[in-house]
Amino acid sequence: MEPAVDITELYAAHRLSLVRLAVLLVDDLASAEDVVQDAFAALARRPDAVRDPSKALAYLRVSVVNTARSALRRRRTARAYSPPHDLSPPSPEDSAVLAEEHREVIAALHRLAPRQREVLVLRYWSNLTETEIAGTLGISQGTVKSTASRALVALEKAMQATATSSGKEER
């Protein structure tokens, strides 16, 4: 019996978008790639977990979000038991990847509460509907709406604070 989902095709078609999603949730490329790899490995171990091929991408998105949450929990736990260390400045490659405005938005995004960040990333980066976000995060559509609204207000305040503290003029 052949599995209902072709993991190779899924990987080729959606790996990059899932890595982008994971990067915005876990804040670094290496962890994001690990998160996505773990999601695909889990699906490979249980190919019958998704019988309907049209639901495979949604299954992987849920897996990526859940694995990202786990990675952040592990990271938080590890940081609680080790002294903080100085972070080296970003490499020239990292600096070249994002324009200054994008770095500021992403920095502000990472200052949001995890649920708010997840909702905004799924909505505006992955272009999911409120229904899809609710299904991915296991929350109601109303919670998605209110969380997105509060997250956008918090993001705007964070961006204004960044602009004010760096001496930039508001436009």
Protein backbone atom coordinates (compact mmCIF):
# COMPACT_ATOMS: atom_id res chain seq x y z
CA MET A 1 0.00 0.00 0.00
CA GLU A 2 1.42 3.37 -1.06
CA PRO A 3 1.26 6.36 1.34
CA ALA A 4 -1.40 8.94 0.53
CA VAL A 5 1.09 11.83 0.68
CA ASP A 6 4.30 12.14 -1.37
CA ILE A 7 6.70 13.59 1.18
CA THR A 8 9.38 14.26 -1.44
CA GLU A 9 7.04 16.47 -3.46
CA LEU A 10 5.82 18.23 -0.31
CA TYR A 11 9.39 18.87 0.76
CA ALA A 12 10.39 20.28 -2.63
CA ALA A 13 7.32 22.48 -2.88
CA HIS A 14 6.95 23.80 0.66
CA ARG A 15 10.22 23.49 2.58
CA LEU A 16 11.29 27.09 1.98
CA SER A 17 7.97 28.63 2.98
CA LEU A 18 7.92 26.49 6.13
CA VAL A 19 11.50 27.51 6.97
CA ARG A 20 10.52 31.17 6.54
CA LEU A 21 7.58 30.63 8.86
CA ALA A 22 9.81 28.91 11.42
CA VAL A 23 12.49 31.65 11.22
CA LEU A 24 9.93 34.23 12.25
CA LEU A 25 8.83 32.04 15.16
CA VAL A 26 12.23 30.92 16.51
CA ASP A 27 14.44 33.83 15.39
CA ASP A 28 17.35 31.99 13.80
CA LEU A 29 17.84 30.07 10.58
CA ALA A 30 19.56 27.00 12.03
CA SER A 31 16.79 26.36 14.56
CA ALA A 32 14.15 27.06 11.92
CA GLU A 33 15.66 24.50 9.56
CA ASP A 34 15.78 21.98 12.42
CA VAL A 35 12.13 22.66 13.22
CA VAL A 36 11.06 22.08 9.61
CA GLN A 37 13.26 19.01 9.27
CA ASP A 38 11.69 17.57 12.42
CA ALA A 39 8.20 18.21 11.03
CA PHE A 40 9.01 16.37 7.80
CA ALA A 41 10.77 13.57 9.70
CA ALA A 42 7.70 13.09 11.88
CA LEU A 43 5.52 12.86 8.77
CA ALA A 44 7.97 10.41 7.19
CA ARG A 45 7.83 8.19 10.28
CA ARG A 46 4.03 8.19 10.09
CA PRO A 47 3.07 8.67 6.44
CA ASP A 48 -0.46 7.47 7.19
CA ALA A 49 -0.97 10.39 9.63
CA VAL A 50 -2.35 12.43 6.73
CA ARG A 51 -4.66 10.47 4.48
CA ASP A 52 -5.92 13.44 2.49
CA PRO A 53 -3.06 15.00 0.46
CA SER A 54 -4.85 18.37 0.45
CA LYS A 55 -4.42 18.55 4.23
CA ALA A 56 -0.72 17.68 4.29
CA LEU A 57 0.51 21.28 4.19
CA ALA A 58 -1.83 22.28 7.02
CA TYR A 59 -0.57 19.27 9.01
CA LEU A 60 3.02 20.38 8.43
CA ARG A 61 2.21 23.99 9.42
CA VAL A 62 0.72 22.80 12.70
CA SER A 63 3.75 20.60 13.24
CA VAL A 64 6.14 23.50 12.54
CA VAL A 65 4.30 25.84 14.94
CA ASN A 66 4.21 23.20 17.68
CA THR A 67 7.85 22.24 17.17
CA ALA A 68 8.84 25.93 17.21
CA ARG A 69 7.01 26.33 20.51
CA SER A 70 8.90 23.35 21.90
CA ALA A 71 12.20 24.75 20.66
CA LEU A 72 11.48 28.08 22.33
CA ARG A 73 10.53 26.32 25.58
CA ARG A 74 13.79 24.34 25.50
CA ARG A 75 15.74 27.51 24.72
CA ARG A 76 14.03 29.38 27.58
CA THR A 77 14.80 26.54 29.97
CA ALA A 78 18.43 26.37 28.87
CA ARG A 79 18.85 30.12 29.28
CA ALA A 80 17.39 29.97 32.78
CA TYR A 81 20.18 27.61 33.86
CA SER A 82 23.11 29.29 32.15
CA PRO A 83 24.53 32.76 32.62
CA PRO A 84 23.68 35.22 29.86
CA HIS A 85 26.40 35.63 27.29
CA ASP A 86 27.31 38.48 25.01
CA LEU A 87 25.92 38.14 21.54
CA SER A 88 28.31 38.84 18.75
CA PRO A 89 27.27 41.46 16.23
CA PRO A 90 25.46 40.19 13.16
CA SER A 91 27.63 39.00 10.31
CA PRO A 92 27.78 41.03 7.10
CA GLU A 93 25.66 38.34 5.44
CA ASP A 94 22.95 38.73 8.06
CA SER A 95 23.02 42.50 7.74
CA ALA A 96 22.71 42.32 3.98
CA VAL A 97 19.70 40.01 4.09
CA LEU A 98 17.25 42.49 5.54
CA ALA A 99 16.92 46.19 5.04
CA GLU A 100 16.97 48.29 8.19
CA GLU A 101 13.20 48.66 8.25
CA HIS A 102 12.71 44.91 8.06
CA ARG A 103 15.15 44.29 10.89
CA GLU A 104 13.28 46.80 13.04
CA VAL A 105 9.94 45.16 12.30
CA ILE A 106 11.31 41.70 13.04
CA ALA A 107 12.93 42.95 16.27
CA ALA A 108 9.60 44.47 17.32
CA LEU A 109 7.81 41.26 16.29
CA HIS A 110 10.05 39.25 18.60
CA ARG A 111 9.17 41.51 21.52
CA LEU A 112 5.50 40.48 21.22
CA ALA A 113 3.97 37.69 23.26
CA PRO A 114 4.44 34.29 21.58
CA ARG A 115 0.74 33.85 20.69
CA GLN A 116 0.60 37.35 19.19
CA ARG A 117 3.74 36.69 17.16
CA GLU A 118 2.36 33.36 15.92
CA VAL A 119 -0.93 34.93 14.81
CA LEU A 120 0.77 37.80 12.97
CA VAL A 121 3.32 35.54 11.28
CA LEU A 122 0.66 33.09 10.13
CA ARG A 123 -1.60 35.91 8.94
CA TYR A 124 0.78 38.29 7.23
CA TRP A 125 3.72 36.07 6.33
CA SER A 126 1.97 32.82 5.49
CA ASN A 127 -1.21 34.56 4.26
CA LEU A 128 -3.49 32.22 6.17
CA THR A 129 -7.13 33.02 6.78
CA GLU A 130 -8.50 33.41 10.29
CA THR A 131 -10.04 29.95 9.98
CA GLU A 132 -6.70 28.40 8.98
CA ILE A 133 -4.88 30.21 11.78
CA ALA A 134 -7.47 29.04 14.30
CA GLY A 135 -7.03 25.46 13.11
CA THR A 136 -3.24 25.69 13.14
CA LEU A 137 -3.04 27.14 16.65
CA GLY A 138 -6.02 25.25 18.08
CA ILE A 139 -7.89 28.42 19.09
CA SER A 140 -11.19 30.00 18.09
CA GLN A 141 -11.57 32.47 15.23
CA GLY A 142 -12.61 35.14 17.72
CA THR A 143 -9.38 34.62 19.63
CA VAL A 144 -7.45 34.93 16.36
CA LYS A 145 -9.19 38.25 15.60
CA SER A 146 -8.67 39.74 19.06
CA THR A 147 -5.09 38.49 19.30
CA ALA A 148 -4.25 39.93 15.87
CA SER A 149 -5.80 43.27 16.79
CA ARG A 150 -3.90 43.51 20.08
CA ALA A 151 -0.70 42.32 18.42
CA LEU A 152 -0.89 45.01 15.74
CA VAL A 153 -1.39 47.72 18.39
CA ALA A 154 1.56 46.36 20.39
CA LEU A 155 3.69 46.13 17.25
CA GLU A 156 2.88 49.73 16.33
CA LYS A 157 3.81 50.92 19.84
CA ALA A 158 7.07 48.96 19.71
CA MET A 159 7.92 50.45 16.33
CA GLN A 160 7.14 53.98 17.56
CA ALA A 161 9.30 53.42 20.65
CA THR A 162 12.14 52.19 18.44
CA ALA A 163 11.81 55.22 16.17
CA THR A 164 11.71 57.61 19.13
CA SER A 165 14.65 56.01 20.94
CA SER A 166 16.81 55.98 17.81
CA GLY A 167 16.02 59.63 17.10
CA LYS A 168 14.14 58.98 13.86
CA GLU A 169 11.41 61.32 12.83
CA GLU A 170 7.91 59.98 12.62
CA ARG A 171 6.46 60.17 9.13
